[in-house]
């Protein structure tokens, strides 16, 4: 498994937690930061999946 997938999943989780905390406390800035981290994590995870697919195809 590519490290981007792992790091991306961690960012996505962190973003989800931040977003939820922002919603819970009414902190729009924290909520927006969480959404941004979540999207960045999803993108990084997708890159990792692509790398894994290429590695698998080359085997």
PDB file of N, CA and C in Angstrom:
ATOM      1  N   UNK A   1       0.848  -1.172   0.000  1.00  0.00           N
ATOM      2  CA  UNK A   1       0.000   0.000   0.000  1.00  0.00           C
ATOM      3  C   UNK A   1       0.898   1.240   0.000  1.00  0.00           C
ATOM      4  N   UNK A   2       0.586   2.170  -0.856  1.00  0.00           N
ATOM      5  CA  UNK A   2       1.371   3.385  -0.999  1.00  0.00           C
ATOM      6  C   UNK A   2       1.199   4.298   0.216  1.00  0.00           C
ATOM      7  N   UNK A   3       2.272   4.994   0.593  1.00  0.00           N
ATOM      8  CA  UNK A   3       2.216   5.862   1.772  1.00  0.00           C
ATOM      9  C   UNK A   3       1.211   6.999   1.588  1.00  0.00           C
ATOM     10  N   UNK A   4       0.961   7.394   0.344  1.00  0.00           N
ATOM     11  CA  UNK A   4      -0.026   8.448   0.096  1.00  0.00           C
ATOM     12  C   UNK A   4      -1.429   8.015   0.522  1.00  0.00           C
ATOM     13  N   UNK A   5      -1.725   6.756   0.350  1.00  0.00           N
ATOM     14  CA  UNK A   5      -3.038   6.253   0.773  1.00  0.00           C
ATOM     15  C   UNK A   5      -3.189   6.348   2.282  1.00  0.00           C
ATOM     16  N   UNK A   6      -2.144   5.992   3.003  1.00  0.00           N
ATOM     17  CA  UNK A   6      -2.177   6.015   4.462  1.00  0.00           C
ATOM     18  C   UNK A   6      -2.254   7.449   4.964  1.00  0.00           C
ATOM     19  N   UNK A   7      -1.373   8.313   4.451  1.00  0.00           N
ATOM     20  CA  UNK A   7      -1.373   9.711   4.868  1.00  0.00           C
ATOM     21  C   UNK A   7      -2.675  10.401   4.484  1.00  0.00           C
ATOM     22  N   UNK A   8      -3.184  10.078   3.320  1.00  0.00           N
ATOM     23  CA  UNK A   8      -4.446  10.662   2.866  1.00  0.00           C
ATOM     24  C   UNK A   8      -5.607  10.271   3.772  1.00  0.00           C
ATOM     25  N   UNK A   9      -5.637   9.017   4.162  1.00  0.00           N
ATOM     26  CA  UNK A   9      -6.703   8.552   5.057  1.00  0.00           C
ATOM     27  C   UNK A   9      -6.608   9.244   6.411  1.00  0.00           C
ATOM     28  N   UNK A  10      -5.382   9.465   6.879  1.00  0.00           N
ATOM     29  CA  UNK A  10      -5.189  10.150   8.158  1.00  0.00           C
ATOM     30  C   UNK A  10      -5.660  11.602   8.070  1.00  0.00           C
ATOM     31  N   UNK A  11      -5.324  12.281   6.976  1.00  0.00           N
ATOM     32  CA  UNK A  11      -5.768  13.664   6.786  1.00  0.00           C
ATOM     33  C   UNK A  11      -7.288  13.734   6.687  1.00  0.00           C
ATOM     34  N   UNK A  12      -7.851  12.776   5.981  1.00  0.00           N
ATOM     35  CA  UNK A  12      -9.301  12.739   5.808  1.00  0.00           C
ATOM     36  C   UNK A  12      -9.992  12.575   7.165  1.00  0.00           C
ATOM     37  N   UNK A  13      -9.470  11.688   7.996  1.00  0.00           N
ATOM     38  CA  UNK A  13     -10.032  11.468   9.323  1.00  0.00           C
ATOM     39  C   UNK A  13      -9.906  12.725  10.178  1.00  0.00           C
ATOM     40  N   UNK A  14      -8.724  13.323  10.155  1.00  0.00           N
ATOM     41  CA  UNK A  14      -8.488  14.550  10.920  1.00  0.00           C
ATOM     42  C   UNK A  14      -9.449  15.655  10.467  1.00  0.00           C
ATOM     43  N   UNK A  15      -9.629  15.771   9.160  1.00  0.00           N
ATOM     44  CA  UNK A  15     -10.544  16.771   8.615  1.00  0.00           C
ATOM     45  C   UNK A  15     -11.978  16.520   9.024  1.00  0.00           C
ATOM     46  N   UNK A  16     -12.380  15.275   9.020  1.00  0.00           N
ATOM     47  CA  UNK A  16     -13.737  14.915   9.430  1.00  0.00           C
ATOM     48  C   UNK A  16     -13.973  15.287  10.890  1.00  0.00           C
ATOM     49  N   UNK A  17     -12.987  15.032  11.731  1.00  0.00           N
ATOM     50  CA  UNK A  17     -13.101  15.360  13.147  1.00  0.00           C
ATOM     51  C   UNK A  17     -13.174  16.877  13.337  1.00  0.00           C
ATOM     52  N   UNK A  18     -12.302  17.608  12.640  1.00  0.00           N
ATOM     53  CA  UNK A  18     -12.310  19.070  12.742  1.00  0.00           C
ATOM     54  C   UNK A  18     -13.643  19.643  12.263  1.00  0.00           C
ATOM     55  N   UNK A  19     -14.135  19.118  11.159  1.00  0.00           N
ATOM     56  CA  UNK A  19     -15.404  19.593  10.604  1.00  0.00           C
ATOM     57  C   UNK A  19     -16.538  19.368  11.602  1.00  0.00           C
ATOM     58  N   UNK A  20     -16.574  18.190  12.188  1.00  0.00           N
ATOM     59  CA  UNK A  20     -17.613  17.872  13.169  1.00  0.00           C
ATOM     60  C   UNK A  20     -17.497  18.766  14.402  1.00  0.00           C
ATOM     61  N   UNK A  21     -16.265  18.994  14.855  1.00  0.00           N
ATOM     62  CA  UNK A  21     -16.060  19.861  16.018  1.00  0.00           C
ATOM     63  C   UNK A  21     -16.502  21.283  15.707  1.00  0.00           C
ATOM     64  N   UNK A  22     -16.215  21.740  14.505  1.00  0.00           N
ATOM     65  CA  UNK A  22     -16.641  23.073  14.094  1.00  0.00           C
ATOM     66  C   UNK A  22     -18.152  23.204  14.051  1.00  0.00           C
ATOM     67  N   UNK A  23     -18.806  22.191  13.522  1.00  0.00           N
ATOM     68  CA  UNK A  23     -20.275  22.202  13.481  1.00  0.00           C
ATOM     69  C   UNK A  23     -20.850  22.181  14.889  1.00  0.00           C
ATOM     70  N   UNK A  24     -20.262  21.373  15.742  1.00  0.00           N
ATOM     71  CA  UNK A  24     -20.750  21.223  17.106  1.00  0.00           C
ATOM     72  C   UNK A  24     -20.625  22.516  17.904  1.00  0.00           C
ATOM     73  N   UNK A  25     -19.521  23.213  17.701  1.00  0.00           N
ATOM     74  CA  UNK A  25     -19.273  24.440  18.466  1.00  0.00           C
ATOM     75  C   UNK A  25     -19.745  25.695  17.744  1.00  0.00           C
ATOM     76  N   UNK A  26     -20.170  25.556  16.512  1.00  0.00           N
ATOM     77  CA  UNK A  26     -20.603  26.715  15.737  1.00  0.00           C
ATOM     78  C   UNK A  26     -19.429  27.530  15.201  1.00  0.00           C
ATOM     79  N   UNK A  27     -18.252  26.933  15.165  1.00  0.00           N
ATOM     80  CA  UNK A  27     -17.041  27.602  14.697  1.00  0.00           C
ATOM     81  C   UNK A  27     -16.903  27.349  13.190  1.00  0.00           C
ATOM     82  N   UNK A  28     -17.303  28.328  12.401  1.00  0.00           N
ATOM     83  CA  UNK A  28     -17.292  28.172  10.940  1.00  0.00           C
ATOM     84  C   UNK A  28     -15.874  28.027  10.383  1.00  0.00           C
ATOM     85  N   UNK A  29     -14.900  28.707  11.013  1.00  0.00           N
ATOM     86  CA  UNK A  29     -13.517  28.614  10.554  1.00  0.00           C
ATOM     87  C   UNK A  29     -12.987  27.198  10.729  1.00  0.00           C
ATOM     88  N   UNK A  30     -13.220  26.614  11.887  1.00  0.00           N
ATOM     89  CA  UNK A  30     -12.771  25.250  12.151  1.00  0.00           C
ATOM     90  C   UNK A  30     -13.470  24.265  11.219  1.00  0.00           C
ATOM     91  N   UNK A  31     -14.745  24.490  10.987  1.00  0.00           N
ATOM     92  CA  UNK A  31     -15.511  23.636  10.080  1.00  0.00           C
ATOM     93  C   UNK A  31     -14.939  23.710   8.662  1.00  0.00           C
ATOM     94  N   UNK A  32     -14.609  24.917   8.206  1.00  0.00           N
ATOM     95  CA  UNK A  32     -14.041  25.088   6.865  1.00  0.00           C
ATOM     96  C   UNK A  32     -12.653  24.447   6.768  1.00  0.00           C
ATOM     97  N   UNK A  33     -11.843  24.606   7.811  1.00  0.00           N
ATOM     98  CA  UNK A  33     -10.526  23.963   7.826  1.00  0.00           C
ATOM     99  C   UNK A  33     -10.676  22.448   7.718  1.00  0.00           C
ATOM    100  N   UNK A  34     -11.640  21.917   8.451  1.00  0.00           N
ATOM    101  CA  UNK A  34     -11.881  20.480   8.420  1.00  0.00           C
ATOM    102  C   UNK A  34     -12.286  19.999   7.047  1.00  0.00           C
ATOM    103  N   UNK A  35     -13.175  20.756   6.403  1.00  0.00           N
ATOM    104  CA  UNK A  35     -13.595  20.386   5.046  1.00  0.00           C
ATOM    105  C   UNK A  35     -12.416  20.402   4.090  1.00  0.00           C
ATOM    106  N   UNK A  36     -11.560  21.415   4.233  1.00  0.00           N
ATOM    107  CA  UNK A  36     -10.380  21.516   3.371  1.00  0.00           C
ATOM    108  C   UNK A  36      -9.424  20.353   3.573  1.00  0.00           C
ATOM    109  N   UNK A  37      -9.174  20.004   4.827  1.00  0.00           N
ATOM    110  CA  UNK A  37      -8.285  18.870   5.111  1.00  0.00           C
ATOM    111  C   UNK A  37      -8.878  17.564   4.607  1.00  0.00           C
ATOM    112  N   UNK A  38     -10.179  17.436   4.753  1.00  0.00           N
ATOM    113  CA  UNK A  38     -10.860  16.220   4.298  1.00  0.00           C
ATOM    114  C   UNK A  38     -10.707  16.064   2.779  1.00  0.00           C
ATOM    115  N   UNK A  39     -10.900  17.152   2.052  1.00  0.00           N
ATOM    116  CA  UNK A  39     -10.763  17.116   0.593  1.00  0.00           C
ATOM    117  C   UNK A  39      -9.316  16.829   0.198  1.00  0.00           C
ATOM    118  N   UNK A  40      -8.368  17.449   0.891  1.00  0.00           N
ATOM    119  CA  UNK A  40      -6.949  17.201   0.603  1.00  0.00           C
ATOM    120  C   UNK A  40      -6.592  15.743   0.876  1.00  0.00           C
ATOM    121  N   UNK A  41      -7.135  15.198   1.938  1.00  0.00           N
ATOM    122  CA  UNK A  41      -6.886  13.798   2.267  1.00  0.00           C
ATOM    123  C   UNK A  41      -7.462  12.856   1.228  1.00  0.00           C
ATOM    124  N   UNK A  42      -8.661  13.176   0.754  1.00  0.00           N
ATOM    125  CA  UNK A  42      -9.277  12.350  -0.285  1.00  0.00           C
ATOM    126  C   UNK A  42      -8.437  12.376  -1.559  1.00  0.00           C
ATOM    127  N   UNK A  43      -7.939  13.566  -1.909  1.00  0.00           N
ATOM    128  CA  UNK A  43      -7.114  13.691  -3.112  1.00  0.00           C
ATOM    129  C   UNK A  43      -5.814  12.901  -2.961  1.00  0.00           C
ATOM    130  N   UNK A  44      -5.173  13.021  -1.816  1.00  0.00           N
ATOM    131  CA  UNK A  44      -3.914  12.304  -1.589  1.00  0.00           C
ATOM    132  C   UNK A  44      -4.145  10.795  -1.604  1.00  0.00           C
ATOM    133  N   UNK A  45      -5.243  10.365  -1.052  1.00  0.00           N
ATOM    134  CA  UNK A  45      -5.573   8.944  -1.049  1.00  0.00           C
ATOM    135  C   UNK A  45      -5.802   8.442  -2.477  1.00  0.00           C
ATOM    136  N   UNK A  46      -6.448   9.260  -3.283  1.00  0.00           N
ATOM    137  CA  UNK A  46      -6.690   8.895  -4.678  1.00  0.00           C
ATOM    138  C   UNK A  46      -5.379   8.763  -5.439  1.00  0.00           C
ATOM    139  N   UNK A  47      -4.444   9.666  -5.162  1.00  0.00           N
ATOM    140  CA  UNK A  47      -3.124   9.576  -5.790  1.00  0.00           C
ATOM    141  C   UNK A  47      -2.454   8.253  -5.400  1.00  0.00           C
ATOM    142  N   UNK A  48      -2.530   7.916  -4.131  1.00  0.00           N
ATOM    143  CA  UNK A  48      -1.948   6.660  -3.654  1.00  0.00           C
ATOM    144  C   UNK A  48      -2.572   5.447  -4.320  1.00  0.00           C
ATOM    145  N   UNK A  49      -3.886   5.491  -4.504  1.00  0.00           N
ATOM    146  CA  UNK A  49      -4.565   4.375  -5.181  1.00  0.00           C
ATOM    147  C   UNK A  49      -4.091   4.255  -6.616  1.00  0.00           C
ATOM    148  N   UNK A  50      -3.893   5.404  -7.269  1.00  0.00           N
ATOM    149  CA  UNK A  50      -3.390   5.391  -8.653  1.00  0.00           C
ATOM    150  C   UNK A  50      -1.992   4.795  -8.726  1.00  0.00           C
ATOM    151  N   UNK A  51      -1.145   5.177  -7.788  1.00  0.00           N
ATOM    152  CA  UNK A  51       0.220   4.649  -7.758  1.00  0.00           C
ATOM    153  C   UNK A  51       0.195   3.148  -7.540  1.00  0.00           C
ATOM    154  N   UNK A  52      -0.663   2.701  -6.624  1.00  0.00           N
ATOM    155  CA  UNK A  52      -0.787   1.254  -6.372  1.00  0.00           C
ATOM    156  C   UNK A  52      -1.267   0.529  -7.636  1.00  0.00           C
ATOM    157  N   UNK A  53      -2.202   1.148  -8.356  1.00  0.00           N
ATOM    158  CA  UNK A  53      -2.719   0.523  -9.575  1.00  0.00           C
ATOM    159  C   UNK A  53      -1.625   0.386 -10.629  1.00  0.00           C
ATOM    160  N   UNK A  54      -0.809   1.421 -10.766  1.00  0.00           N
ATOM    161  CA  UNK A  54       0.290   1.375 -11.738  1.00  0.00           C
ATOM    162  C   UNK A  54       1.300   0.314 -11.328  1.00  0.00           C
ATOM    163  N   UNK A  55       1.654   0.278 -10.059  1.00  0.00           N
ATOM    164  CA  UNK A  55       2.594  -0.740  -9.587  1.00  0.00           C
ATOM    165  C   UNK A  55       2.053  -2.140  -9.831  1.00  0.00           C
ATOM    166  N   UNK A  56       0.755  -2.316  -9.591  1.00  0.00           N
ATOM    167  CA  UNK A  56       0.135  -3.620  -9.810  1.00  0.00           C
ATOM    168  C   UNK A  56       0.138  -4.009 -11.277  1.00  0.00           C
ATOM    169  N   UNK A  57      -0.061  -3.038 -12.153  1.00  0.00           N
ATOM    170  CA  UNK A  57      -0.084  -3.315 -13.585  1.00  0.00           C
ATOM    171  C   UNK A  57       1.309  -3.655 -14.118  1.00  0.00           C
ATOM    172  N   UNK A  58       2.335  -3.112 -13.461  1.00  0.00           N
ATOM    173  CA  UNK A  58       3.697  -3.360 -13.919  1.00  0.00           C
ATOM    174  C   UNK A  58       4.274  -4.673 -13.439  1.00  0.00           C
ATOM    175  N   UNK A  59       3.585  -5.334 -12.520  1.00  0.00           N
ATOM    176  CA  UNK A  59       4.091  -6.618 -11.979  1.00  0.00           C
ATOM    177  C   UNK A  59       3.876  -7.724 -12.953  1.00  0.00           C
TER     178      UNK A  59
END
